[in-house]
Amino acid sequence: MADKENGDEELPRDAKIVKTLLKSMGVSEYEPRVIHQFLELWYRYAVDVLTDAQVYSEHAAKPAIDPDDIMLAIQTKVNFGFSQPPPREVLLELARNRNKMPLPKSIRGPGIPLPPDEDTLISPNYQLAIPSRTQAQADEIEEDEDVEDPNQNSNLNPPQEQKADQQHNTPQRVSFPIAGKRPREI
């Protein structure tokens, strides 16, 4: 009668077992999906253990899986699947050692205080090498332009030297590749 009141008559046997386990542990309120999630975990664990046991059995050239293979598979799951945290003393010692190092000094200013630039990841990690003209070089270029007659061919500097001077005085362009656009599919 109790099964009909709780709606347990349509549940499979394994779901009833999970529900009974939850009740025995004092869990009275839970989402109905919890039972299905426990069943999924239960089935996945059983399949993993049996698959590992089959691998061990095949490796030992046995005709069938025996209890030793299953125990070895379970022990392997326990050793590699569930790890214990380190003892409290070890964690306290690690915390003490870490806390001995002082925090970096912060920059006072408007906004959120940040640590020095050398301690952050927001400082630039590159340098651009672009030649800059000094005032003396700019004055020389202006004088040269004033002296030259536009109607007269300049034979003082051969064309190769002119190109070299232009390349030397021209600021370098720095470009970064941008991923090309993909063609649209029609």
Protein backbone atom coordinates (compact mmCIF):
# COMPACT_ATOMS: atom_id res chain seq x y z
CA MET A 1 0.00 0.00 0.00
CA ALA A 2 2.85 2.42 0.83
CA ASP A 3 4.28 1.92 -2.67
CA LYS A 4 1.01 2.99 -4.28
CA GLU A 5 0.80 6.13 -2.10
CA ASN A 6 4.36 7.27 -2.97
CA GLY A 7 4.05 6.36 -6.66
CA ASP A 8 6.69 3.63 -6.33
CA GLU A 9 4.74 0.97 -8.23
CA GLU A 10 6.01 2.24 -11.62
CA LEU A 11 9.66 2.61 -10.49
CA PRO A 12 12.15 -0.12 -11.44
CA ARG A 13 13.71 -2.23 -8.72
CA ASP A 14 17.04 -0.30 -8.80
CA ALA A 15 15.25 3.03 -8.42
CA LYS A 16 13.39 1.66 -5.39
CA ILE A 17 16.74 0.61 -3.88
CA VAL A 18 18.16 4.11 -4.38
CA LYS A 19 15.05 5.63 -2.83
CA THR A 20 15.36 3.28 0.15
CA LEU A 21 19.05 4.19 0.55
CA LEU A 22 18.21 7.89 0.57
CA LYS A 23 15.49 7.30 3.15
CA SER A 24 17.85 5.24 5.37
CA MET A 25 20.37 8.11 5.31
CA GLY A 26 17.73 10.57 6.54
CA VAL A 27 17.16 12.34 3.21
CA SER A 28 13.44 13.02 3.03
CA GLU A 29 13.21 15.82 0.46
CA TYR A 30 14.94 15.69 -2.92
CA GLU A 31 14.27 16.32 -6.58
CA PRO A 32 12.87 13.32 -8.47
CA ARG A 33 15.81 13.60 -10.89
CA VAL A 34 18.21 12.69 -8.08
CA ILE A 35 17.15 9.04 -8.29
CA HIS A 36 17.88 8.96 -12.02
CA GLN A 37 21.24 10.67 -11.51
CA PHE A 38 22.23 8.10 -8.86
CA LEU A 39 21.15 5.29 -11.17
CA GLU A 40 23.23 6.74 -14.01
CA LEU A 41 26.28 7.00 -11.73
CA TRP A 42 25.69 3.47 -10.43
CA TYR A 43 25.39 1.97 -13.94
CA ARG A 44 28.41 3.89 -15.25
CA TYR A 45 30.54 2.74 -12.32
CA ALA A 46 29.46 -0.90 -12.80
CA VAL A 47 30.20 -0.78 -16.54
CA ASP A 48 33.64 0.79 -15.93
CA VAL A 49 34.56 -1.83 -13.34
CA LEU A 50 33.39 -4.73 -15.52
CA THR A 51 35.18 -3.33 -18.58
CA ASP A 52 38.43 -3.04 -16.61
CA ALA A 53 37.93 -6.55 -15.20
CA GLN A 54 37.47 -7.87 -18.73
CA VAL A 55 40.72 -6.20 -19.83
CA TYR A 56 42.57 -7.75 -16.88
CA SER A 57 41.05 -11.15 -17.63
CA GLU A 58 42.07 -10.98 -21.30
CA HIS A 59 45.58 -9.89 -20.32
CA ALA A 60 45.89 -12.95 -18.05
CA ALA A 61 44.56 -15.15 -20.91
CA LYS A 62 41.64 -16.38 -18.80
CA PRO A 63 38.54 -17.72 -20.53
CA ALA A 64 36.17 -15.67 -18.33
CA ILE A 65 36.15 -12.89 -15.74
CA ASP A 66 36.67 -14.17 -12.21
CA PRO A 67 36.27 -12.45 -8.79
CA ASP A 68 39.99 -11.61 -8.66
CA ASP A 69 39.69 -9.54 -11.84
CA ILE A 70 36.70 -7.65 -10.43
CA MET A 71 38.48 -7.00 -7.11
CA LEU A 72 41.55 -5.73 -8.99
CA ALA A 73 39.37 -3.42 -11.11
CA ILE A 74 37.60 -2.05 -8.01
CA GLN A 75 40.92 -1.53 -6.20
CA THR A 76 42.28 0.33 -9.23
CA LYS A 77 39.21 2.59 -9.30
CA VAL A 78 39.58 3.32 -5.58
CA ASN A 79 43.31 4.04 -5.84
CA PHE A 80 43.11 6.29 -8.88
CA GLY A 81 39.57 7.65 -8.67
CA PHE A 82 39.31 8.75 -5.07
CA SER A 83 42.22 10.55 -3.44
CA GLN A 84 42.45 11.70 0.12
CA PRO A 85 43.42 15.30 0.85
CA PRO A 86 46.83 15.83 2.45
CA PRO A 87 46.98 15.88 6.26
CA ARG A 88 46.08 19.12 8.03
CA GLU A 89 49.66 19.60 9.29
CA VAL A 90 51.04 19.52 5.74
CA LEU A 91 48.48 22.10 4.58
CA LEU A 92 49.27 24.37 7.55
CA GLU A 93 53.00 24.18 6.82
CA LEU A 94 52.42 25.04 3.15
CA ALA A 95 50.22 27.98 4.17
CA ARG A 96 52.85 29.26 6.61
CA ASN A 97 55.59 29.09 3.97
CA ARG A 98 53.43 30.85 1.38
CA ASN A 99 52.33 33.57 3.80
CA LYS A 100 55.96 34.42 4.69
CA MET A 101 56.34 36.07 1.27
CA PRO A 102 55.03 39.66 1.30
CA LEU A 103 52.44 40.78 -1.18
CA PRO A 104 53.60 43.20 -3.91
CA LYS A 105 53.20 46.91 -3.17
CA SER A 106 50.14 48.47 -4.74
CA ILE A 107 49.95 51.65 -6.80
CA ARG A 108 47.85 54.36 -5.24
CA GLY A 109 45.78 56.34 -7.67
CA PRO A 110 42.29 56.71 -9.02
CA GLY A 111 40.43 53.48 -9.57
CA ILE A 112 41.33 50.01 -8.44
CA PRO A 113 44.77 49.73 -6.84
CA LEU A 114 47.03 47.54 -8.98
CA PRO A 115 50.42 45.98 -8.26
CA PRO A 116 53.54 47.34 -10.02
CA ASP A 117 53.74 46.88 -13.80
CA GLU A 118 56.46 44.25 -13.55
CA ASP A 119 54.11 42.08 -11.46
CA THR A 120 51.15 42.31 -13.85
CA LEU A 121 50.24 40.76 -17.16
CA ILE A 122 48.86 44.00 -18.59
CA SER A 123 52.19 45.70 -19.30
CA PRO A 124 53.36 45.56 -22.93
CA ASN A 125 55.54 42.57 -23.73
CA TYR A 126 56.93 43.95 -26.99
CA GLN A 127 58.88 46.94 -28.30
CA LEU A 128 58.55 48.62 -31.67
CA ALA A 129 61.84 49.74 -33.21
CA ILE A 130 60.82 52.74 -35.31
CA PRO A 131 63.59 55.21 -36.14
CA SER A 132 62.78 58.73 -35.10
CA ARG A 133 64.07 61.90 -36.71
CA THR A 134 65.98 64.31 -34.57
CA GLN A 135 65.49 68.04 -34.98
CA ALA A 136 68.91 68.35 -36.68
CA GLN A 137 68.00 65.72 -39.30
CA ALA A 138 64.66 67.44 -39.96
CA ASP A 139 66.45 70.80 -40.44
CA GLU A 140 68.94 69.22 -42.89
CA ILE A 141 66.12 67.71 -44.93
CA GLU A 142 64.33 71.08 -45.13
CA GLU A 143 67.57 72.84 -46.23
CA ASP A 144 68.16 70.20 -48.92
CA GLU A 145 64.65 70.66 -50.25
CA ASP A 146 65.07 74.47 -50.34
CA VAL A 147 68.40 74.29 -52.21
CA GLU A 148 67.27 71.93 -54.97
CA ASP A 149 65.69 73.40 -58.07
CA PRO A 150 62.61 71.44 -59.17
CA ASN A 151 63.37 72.13 -62.89
CA GLN A 152 66.91 70.85 -62.63
CA ASN A 153 67.72 67.11 -62.63
CA SER A 154 69.68 66.21 -59.59
CA ASN A 155 72.86 64.52 -60.79
CA LEU A 156 74.65 65.04 -57.51
CA ASN A 157 73.27 61.85 -56.01
CA PRO A 158 73.00 58.75 -58.16
CA PRO A 159 69.51 57.10 -58.17
CA GLN A 160 70.65 54.25 -55.93
CA GLU A 161 71.81 56.66 -53.24
CA GLN A 162 68.54 58.57 -53.50
CA LYS A 163 66.57 55.36 -52.97
CA ALA A 164 68.79 54.43 -50.03
CA ASP A 165 68.28 57.88 -48.49
CA GLN A 166 64.52 57.63 -48.99
CA GLN A 167 64.42 54.19 -47.44
CA HIS A 168 66.57 55.35 -44.53
CA ASN A 169 64.49 58.45 -43.81
CA THR A 170 61.11 56.80 -44.34
CA PRO A 171 59.60 55.56 -41.10
CA GLN A 172 59.10 51.82 -41.00
CA ARG A 173 55.64 50.40 -41.10
CA VAL A 174 54.74 47.74 -38.59
CA SER A 175 51.84 45.46 -39.40
CA PHE A 176 50.34 42.43 -37.79
CA PRO A 177 48.57 39.72 -39.79
CA ILE A 178 44.81 39.66 -39.41
CA ALA A 179 42.99 36.42 -39.98
CA GLY A 180 41.41 36.49 -43.41
CA LYS A 181 37.69 36.44 -43.83
CA ARG A 182 36.15 33.13 -44.68
CA PRO A 183 34.16 32.97 -47.88
CA ARG A 184 30.45 32.91 -47.31
CA GLU A 185 28.72 29.66 -48.00
CA ILE A 186 25.69 30.00 -50.20
